[in-house]
Protein backbone atom coordinates (compact mmCIF):
# COMPACT_ATOMS: atom_id res chain seq x y z
CA MET A 1 -66.46 8.85 -67.59
CA ARG A 2 -64.32 10.85 -65.33
CA ASP A 3 -62.15 13.56 -66.77
CA GLU A 4 -58.36 13.25 -66.99
CA ASN A 5 -57.67 15.76 -64.20
CA THR A 6 -59.68 13.74 -61.69
CA VAL A 7 -57.90 10.51 -62.58
CA LEU A 8 -54.42 12.22 -62.44
CA GLU A 9 -55.19 13.96 -59.12
CA GLU A 10 -56.41 10.59 -57.65
CA TYR A 11 -53.39 8.79 -58.93
CA TYR A 12 -50.79 11.25 -57.74
CA GLY A 13 -52.75 11.72 -54.48
CA ASN A 14 -52.37 8.01 -53.94
CA VAL A 15 -48.67 8.05 -54.87
CA ILE A 16 -48.06 10.96 -52.46
CA ARG A 17 -49.98 9.34 -49.65
CA LYS A 18 -48.01 6.04 -50.15
CA ASN A 19 -44.74 7.98 -50.11
CA VAL A 20 -45.70 9.82 -46.89
CA GLU A 21 -46.74 6.60 -45.28
CA SER A 22 -43.51 4.81 -46.22
CA ASP A 23 -41.60 7.89 -45.01
CA MET A 24 -43.52 7.75 -41.63
CA GLU A 25 -42.80 4.05 -41.32
CA LEU A 26 -39.05 4.61 -42.10
CA LEU A 27 -38.95 7.43 -39.57
CA ALA A 28 -40.63 5.25 -36.92
CA GLN A 29 -38.12 2.42 -37.55
CA ASN A 30 -35.29 4.95 -37.29
CA LYS A 31 -36.60 6.32 -34.03
CA ALA A 32 -37.03 2.82 -32.66
CA PHE A 33 -33.39 1.98 -33.65
CA GLU A 34 -32.17 5.35 -32.11
CA ASP A 35 -34.00 4.56 -28.84
CA SER A 36 -32.56 1.10 -28.65
CA MET A 37 -29.04 2.35 -29.30
CA ASN A 38 -29.45 5.23 -26.72
CA LYS A 39 -30.25 2.79 -23.95
CA PRO A 40 -27.41 2.06 -21.52
CA THR A 41 -25.41 -1.07 -22.40
CA LEU A 42 -24.89 -1.86 -18.81
CA THR A 43 -27.38 -1.84 -15.93
CA TYR A 44 -26.92 -1.53 -12.19
CA ASP A 45 -26.99 -5.32 -11.83
CA ASP A 46 -23.89 -5.54 -14.08
CA TYR A 47 -21.90 -3.71 -11.38
CA VAL A 48 -23.25 -5.48 -8.36
CA VAL A 49 -21.36 -8.67 -7.30
CA GLU A 50 -22.73 -11.03 -4.72
CA GLN A 51 -19.57 -11.23 -2.69
CA LEU A 52 -16.16 -9.55 -3.17
CA PRO A 53 -13.13 -11.85 -2.71
CA PRO A 54 -11.64 -11.22 0.75
CA ALA A 55 -9.13 -8.48 0.72
CA PRO A 56 -5.57 -9.23 1.98
CA GLN A 57 -4.82 -8.43 5.53
CA ALA A 58 -3.80 -4.76 5.58
CA THR A 59 -2.74 -4.09 9.08
CA ARG A 60 0.88 -3.38 9.98
CA THR A 61 1.00 -4.42 13.58
CA GLY A 62 -0.60 -6.96 15.80
CA LEU A 63 -2.10 -4.22 18.05
CA GLN A 64 -3.69 -2.58 15.14
CA ARG A 65 -5.23 -5.89 13.97
CA GLU A 66 -6.40 -6.65 17.51
CA GLN A 67 -8.22 -3.24 17.79
CA LEU A 68 -9.87 -3.58 14.41
CA ASP A 69 -10.98 -7.11 15.22
CA SER A 70 -12.39 -5.96 18.57
CA GLU A 71 -14.49 -3.32 16.92
CA GLY A 72 -15.52 -5.60 13.97
CA LEU A 73 -13.84 -3.30 11.43
CA SER A 74 -11.02 -5.41 10.22
CA ALA A 75 -12.76 -6.74 6.98
CA ASN A 76 -13.88 -3.20 6.14
CA TYR A 77 -10.44 -1.83 6.72
CA ASP A 78 -8.71 -4.48 4.61
CA ARG A 79 -11.21 -3.81 1.74
CA ASP A 80 -10.67 0.00 2.00
CA ILE A 81 -6.84 -0.40 1.91
CA ALA A 82 -7.09 -2.90 -1.04
CA ASN A 83 -9.32 -0.39 -2.93
CA PHE A 84 -6.91 2.37 -2.21
CA GLU A 85 -3.91 0.31 -3.37
CA ALA A 86 -5.71 -0.43 -6.59
CA GLN A 87 -6.04 3.20 -7.60
CA GLU A 88 -3.67 4.62 -10.11
CA ASN A 89 -3.64 8.23 -8.78
CA ARG A 90 -3.79 7.95 -4.95
CA LEU A 91 -4.96 11.27 -3.63
CA VAL A 92 -6.35 11.85 -0.22
CA TYR A 93 -8.48 14.80 1.00
CA ALA A 94 -6.81 16.01 4.25
CA ASP A 95 -6.85 19.44 5.88
CA GLY A 96 -8.96 20.92 3.18
CA LYS A 97 -6.82 19.87 0.22
CA LEU A 98 -5.85 16.99 -1.90
CA VAL A 99 -2.45 15.50 -0.96
CA ASP A 100 -0.38 12.58 -2.16
CA GLY A 101 -2.03 9.43 -0.82
CA ASP A 102 1.19 7.52 -0.47
CA GLU A 103 2.79 10.10 1.60
CA TYR A 104 -0.24 10.51 3.73
CA MET A 105 -0.56 6.77 4.41
CA LYS A 106 3.12 6.51 5.16
CA ALA A 107 2.76 9.27 7.78
CA LEU A 108 -0.14 7.34 9.32
CA ASP A 109 1.83 4.06 9.25
CA ASP A 110 4.81 5.75 10.94
CA GLN A 111 2.50 7.09 13.72
CA ILE A 112 1.15 3.52 14.21
CA GLU A 113 4.59 2.06 14.39
CA GLY A 114 5.54 4.73 16.84
CA ILE A 115 2.69 3.82 19.06
CA GLU A 116 3.45 0.14 18.79
CA SER A 117 7.12 0.94 19.78
CA VAL A 118 5.89 2.81 22.82
CA ARG A 119 3.65 -0.01 23.74
CA VAL A 120 6.42 -2.66 23.36
CA CYS A 121 8.77 -0.48 25.49
CA ALA A 122 6.13 0.12 28.13
CA ILE A 123 4.57 -3.32 28.30
CA GLY A 124 7.32 -5.52 27.06
């Protein structure tokens, strides 16, 4: 017959081994859960759309539209202006600094209108 110390050591050894194994299993489950929660909830494909809806026509003069159409840039221009208009804080990087986008765009529009006025006066 085995002595009491051997039986107790064996019993407690088994208990400790089972506790360690269950702790390791719990830690593995926690790690798997942590990994699943740390994954991004969105992927690149969530941001990609097949086709954006057409942007509204953004040109201010017929001459401007005509020039953009002739260069094949009108759809890109319309999309860029629509994206600009959708921003809350409209800032433009010009001359090495950030300036108010609305003021900058107004200055450009005024220049375009001035050129259009000269064209109308010169050509009729």
